[in-house]
Amino acid sequence: MEGDIGEISYFYVWEGVGVRKSVRFFLMRATGGDVSQHDHEMEEVRWFPLDEAPATASYRSEREVLEKAAAALRSG
């Protein structure tokens, strides 16, 4: 399966201003490239084994998206 696997929203404060952010996740197929060539918004980008990925998430909403991706990959 490849496609939309969900959205999470959260709130944080940046330089004294409240910011609401929504992030939509997509399950995609890797076709090449180098994960070290990511943009400034990410501190780190790396691959994880499918069964280990949910445990690496900092927040429940992120774990839920990773669990949904794992389920889609196992069934698809």
N, C-alpha and C. Protein backbone atom coordinates (compact mmCIF):
# COMPACT_ATOMS: atom_id res chain seq x y z
N MET A 1 0.84 -1.19 0.00
CA MET A 1 0.00 0.00 0.00
C MET A 1 0.88 1.24 0.00
N GLU A 2 0.48 2.21 -0.73
CA GLU A 2 1.12 3.51 -0.70
C GLU A 2 0.01 4.54 -0.67
N GLY A 3 0.16 5.55 0.18
CA GLY A 3 -0.86 6.58 0.24
C GLY A 3 -0.92 7.25 1.59
N ASP A 4 -1.98 7.99 1.79
CA ASP A 4 -2.21 8.78 3.01
C ASP A 4 -2.42 7.84 4.20
N ILE A 5 -1.67 8.04 5.28
CA ILE A 5 -1.84 7.19 6.46
C ILE A 5 -2.21 7.99 7.71
N GLY A 6 -2.58 9.23 7.55
CA GLY A 6 -3.08 9.96 8.70
C GLY A 6 -2.48 11.33 8.91
N GLU A 7 -3.05 12.02 9.89
CA GLU A 7 -2.63 13.37 10.22
C GLU A 7 -2.60 13.51 11.73
N ILE A 8 -1.62 14.26 12.22
CA ILE A 8 -1.60 14.62 13.63
C ILE A 8 -1.50 16.14 13.72
N SER A 9 -2.04 16.70 14.79
CA SER A 9 -1.96 18.13 15.04
C SER A 9 -1.43 18.34 16.45
N TYR A 10 -0.67 19.39 16.60
CA TYR A 10 -0.16 19.71 17.93
C TYR A 10 0.09 21.21 18.02
N PHE A 11 0.33 21.65 19.24
CA PHE A 11 0.52 23.06 19.54
C PHE A 11 1.87 23.23 20.22
N TYR A 12 2.60 24.27 19.85
CA TYR A 12 3.86 24.59 20.54
C TYR A 12 4.06 26.10 20.51
N VAL A 13 5.02 26.57 21.29
CA VAL A 13 5.33 27.99 21.35
C VAL A 13 6.70 28.21 20.72
N TRP A 14 6.76 29.15 19.77
CA TRP A 14 8.01 29.48 19.09
C TRP A 14 8.24 30.98 19.22
N GLU A 15 9.32 31.33 19.90
CA GLU A 15 9.67 32.73 20.13
C GLU A 15 8.49 33.51 20.71
N GLY A 16 7.82 32.91 21.69
CA GLY A 16 6.73 33.56 22.39
C GLY A 16 5.39 33.55 21.68
N VAL A 17 5.31 32.92 20.54
CA VAL A 17 4.08 32.88 19.76
C VAL A 17 3.56 31.44 19.71
N GLY A 18 2.28 31.28 20.03
CA GLY A 18 1.66 29.96 19.95
C GLY A 18 1.45 29.53 18.50
N VAL A 19 1.83 28.30 18.20
CA VAL A 19 1.73 27.79 16.83
C VAL A 19 0.98 26.46 16.86
N ARG A 20 -0.02 26.33 16.04
CA ARG A 20 -0.70 25.05 15.86
C ARG A 20 -0.19 24.46 14.55
N LYS A 21 0.27 23.23 14.61
CA LYS A 21 0.84 22.60 13.43
C LYS A 21 0.12 21.30 13.15
N SER A 22 -0.17 21.06 11.89
CA SER A 22 -0.73 19.79 11.43
C SER A 22 0.26 19.14 10.50
N VAL A 23 0.43 17.83 10.66
CA VAL A 23 1.37 17.08 9.83
C VAL A 23 0.62 15.90 9.23
N ARG A 24 0.64 15.78 7.92
CA ARG A 24 0.01 14.66 7.23
C ARG A 24 1.11 13.69 6.83
N PHE A 25 0.85 12.40 7.05
CA PHE A 25 1.82 11.36 6.78
C PHE A 25 1.41 10.55 5.56
N PHE A 26 2.39 10.18 4.76
CA PHE A 26 2.16 9.36 3.58
C PHE A 26 3.12 8.17 3.60
N LEU A 27 2.60 7.03 3.26
CA LEU A 27 3.43 5.84 3.10
C LEU A 27 3.91 5.86 1.65
N MET A 28 5.23 5.89 1.49
CA MET A 28 5.79 6.02 0.15
C MET A 28 6.87 4.96 -0.07
N ARG A 29 7.16 4.71 -1.30
CA ARG A 29 8.19 3.75 -1.68
C ARG A 29 9.51 4.49 -1.93
N ALA A 30 10.57 4.02 -1.29
CA ALA A 30 11.89 4.61 -1.52
C ALA A 30 12.38 4.23 -2.91
N THR A 31 12.89 5.20 -3.63
CA THR A 31 13.41 4.94 -4.98
C THR A 31 14.87 5.36 -5.11
N GLY A 32 15.46 5.81 -4.01
CA GLY A 32 16.85 6.23 -4.05
C GLY A 32 17.04 7.47 -3.23
N GLY A 33 18.20 8.04 -3.33
CA GLY A 33 18.48 9.26 -2.60
C GLY A 33 19.29 9.00 -1.35
N ASP A 34 19.52 10.05 -0.61
CA ASP A 34 20.36 10.01 0.57
C ASP A 34 19.63 10.72 1.70
N VAL A 35 19.32 10.01 2.79
CA VAL A 35 18.55 10.62 3.87
C VAL A 35 19.30 11.75 4.56
N SER A 36 20.61 11.84 4.36
CA SER A 36 21.36 12.95 4.96
C SER A 36 21.08 14.27 4.24
N GLN A 37 20.44 14.22 3.09
CA GLN A 37 20.14 15.42 2.30
C GLN A 37 18.74 15.95 2.61
N HIS A 38 18.39 16.02 3.90
CA HIS A 38 17.06 16.50 4.29
C HIS A 38 17.07 18.01 4.53
N ASP A 39 15.87 18.59 4.65
CA ASP A 39 15.77 20.03 4.84
C ASP A 39 16.03 20.43 6.29
N HIS A 40 16.05 21.71 6.54
CA HIS A 40 16.38 22.26 7.86
C HIS A 40 15.33 21.96 8.93
N GLU A 41 14.13 21.59 8.54
CA GLU A 41 13.07 21.37 9.51
C GLU A 41 13.28 20.09 10.33
N MET A 42 14.04 19.18 9.82
CA MET A 42 14.30 17.91 10.51
C MET A 42 15.70 17.93 11.11
N GLU A 43 15.80 17.49 12.36
CA GLU A 43 17.12 17.38 12.99
C GLU A 43 17.87 16.14 12.51
N GLU A 44 17.10 15.07 12.29
CA GLU A 44 17.72 13.80 11.90
C GLU A 44 16.73 13.00 11.07
N VAL A 45 17.23 12.30 10.08
CA VAL A 45 16.41 11.42 9.25
C VAL A 45 17.16 10.09 9.15
N ARG A 46 16.45 8.99 9.46
CA ARG A 46 17.09 7.68 9.34
C ARG A 46 16.06 6.58 9.19
N TRP A 47 16.52 5.43 8.73
CA TRP A 47 15.67 4.26 8.54
C TRP A 47 15.62 3.44 9.83
N PHE A 48 14.47 2.78 10.07
CA PHE A 48 14.31 1.88 11.20
C PHE A 48 13.70 0.57 10.70
N PRO A 49 14.06 -0.54 11.32
CA PRO A 49 13.34 -1.78 11.01
C PRO A 49 11.86 -1.60 11.36
N LEU A 50 11.00 -2.19 10.57
CA LEU A 50 9.56 -2.01 10.71
C LEU A 50 9.07 -2.26 12.14
N ASP A 51 9.51 -3.31 12.78
CA ASP A 51 9.03 -3.63 14.12
C ASP A 51 9.58 -2.71 15.20
N GLU A 52 10.67 -2.00 14.93
CA GLU A 52 11.26 -1.11 15.92
C GLU A 52 10.78 0.34 15.80
N ALA A 53 10.27 0.72 14.67
CA ALA A 53 9.92 2.12 14.41
C ALA A 53 8.94 2.71 15.42
N PRO A 54 7.81 2.05 15.77
CA PRO A 54 6.89 2.68 16.72
C PRO A 54 7.52 3.00 18.08
N ALA A 55 8.44 2.20 18.53
CA ALA A 55 9.07 2.43 19.84
C ALA A 55 9.99 3.66 19.82
N THR A 56 10.36 4.14 18.65
CA THR A 56 11.25 5.30 18.55
C THR A 56 10.49 6.62 18.62
N ALA A 57 9.18 6.57 18.47
CA ALA A 57 8.38 7.80 18.45
C ALA A 57 8.29 8.41 19.84
N SER A 58 8.33 9.73 19.90
CA SER A 58 8.26 10.44 21.17
C SER A 58 6.83 10.60 21.68
N TYR A 59 5.87 10.60 20.79
CA TYR A 59 4.49 10.88 21.17
C TYR A 59 3.55 9.77 20.70
N ARG A 60 2.46 9.59 21.46
CA ARG A 60 1.48 8.55 21.14
C ARG A 60 0.93 8.70 19.73
N SER A 61 0.63 9.93 19.34
CA SER A 61 0.05 10.15 18.00
C SER A 61 1.03 9.72 16.90
N GLU A 62 2.32 9.93 17.12
CA GLU A 62 3.32 9.48 16.15
C GLU A 62 3.40 7.96 16.13
N ARG A 63 3.35 7.33 17.31
CA ARG A 63 3.37 5.86 17.37
C ARG A 63 2.18 5.28 16.63
N GLU A 64 1.02 5.90 16.79
CA GLU A 64 -0.18 5.40 16.11
C GLU A 64 -0.03 5.46 14.59
N VAL A 65 0.57 6.51 14.07
CA VAL A 65 0.79 6.61 12.62
C VAL A 65 1.78 5.53 12.17
N LEU A 66 2.84 5.32 12.94
CA LEU A 66 3.82 4.28 12.58
C LEU A 66 3.20 2.88 12.66
N GLU A 67 2.35 2.65 13.65
CA GLU A 67 1.67 1.36 13.75
C GLU A 67 0.74 1.15 12.57
N LYS A 68 0.07 2.21 12.13
CA LYS A 68 -0.81 2.12 10.96
C LYS A 68 0.00 1.82 9.71
N ALA A 69 1.16 2.44 9.57
CA ALA A 69 2.03 2.16 8.42
C ALA A 69 2.50 0.71 8.44
N ALA A 70 2.90 0.22 9.61
CA ALA A 70 3.36 -1.17 9.73
C ALA A 70 2.24 -2.14 9.37
N ALA A 71 1.03 -1.87 9.83
CA ALA A 71 -0.10 -2.75 9.52
C ALA A 71 -0.37 -2.75 8.01
N ALA A 72 -0.29 -1.58 7.38
CA ALA A 72 -0.53 -1.49 5.93
C ALA A 72 0.54 -2.26 5.16
N LEU A 73 1.78 -2.17 5.61
CA LEU A 73 2.86 -2.89 4.92
C LEU A 73 2.74 -4.39 5.10
N ARG A 74 2.30 -4.83 6.26
CA ARG A 74 2.15 -6.27 6.50
C ARG A 74 0.99 -6.86 5.68
N SER A 75 -0.07 -6.07 5.50
CA SER A 75 -1.25 -6.58 4.80
C SER A 75 -1.17 -6.39 3.29
N GLY A 76 -0.30 -5.50 2.87
CA GLY A 76 -0.28 -5.15 1.45
C GLY A 76 0.74 -5.85 0.68
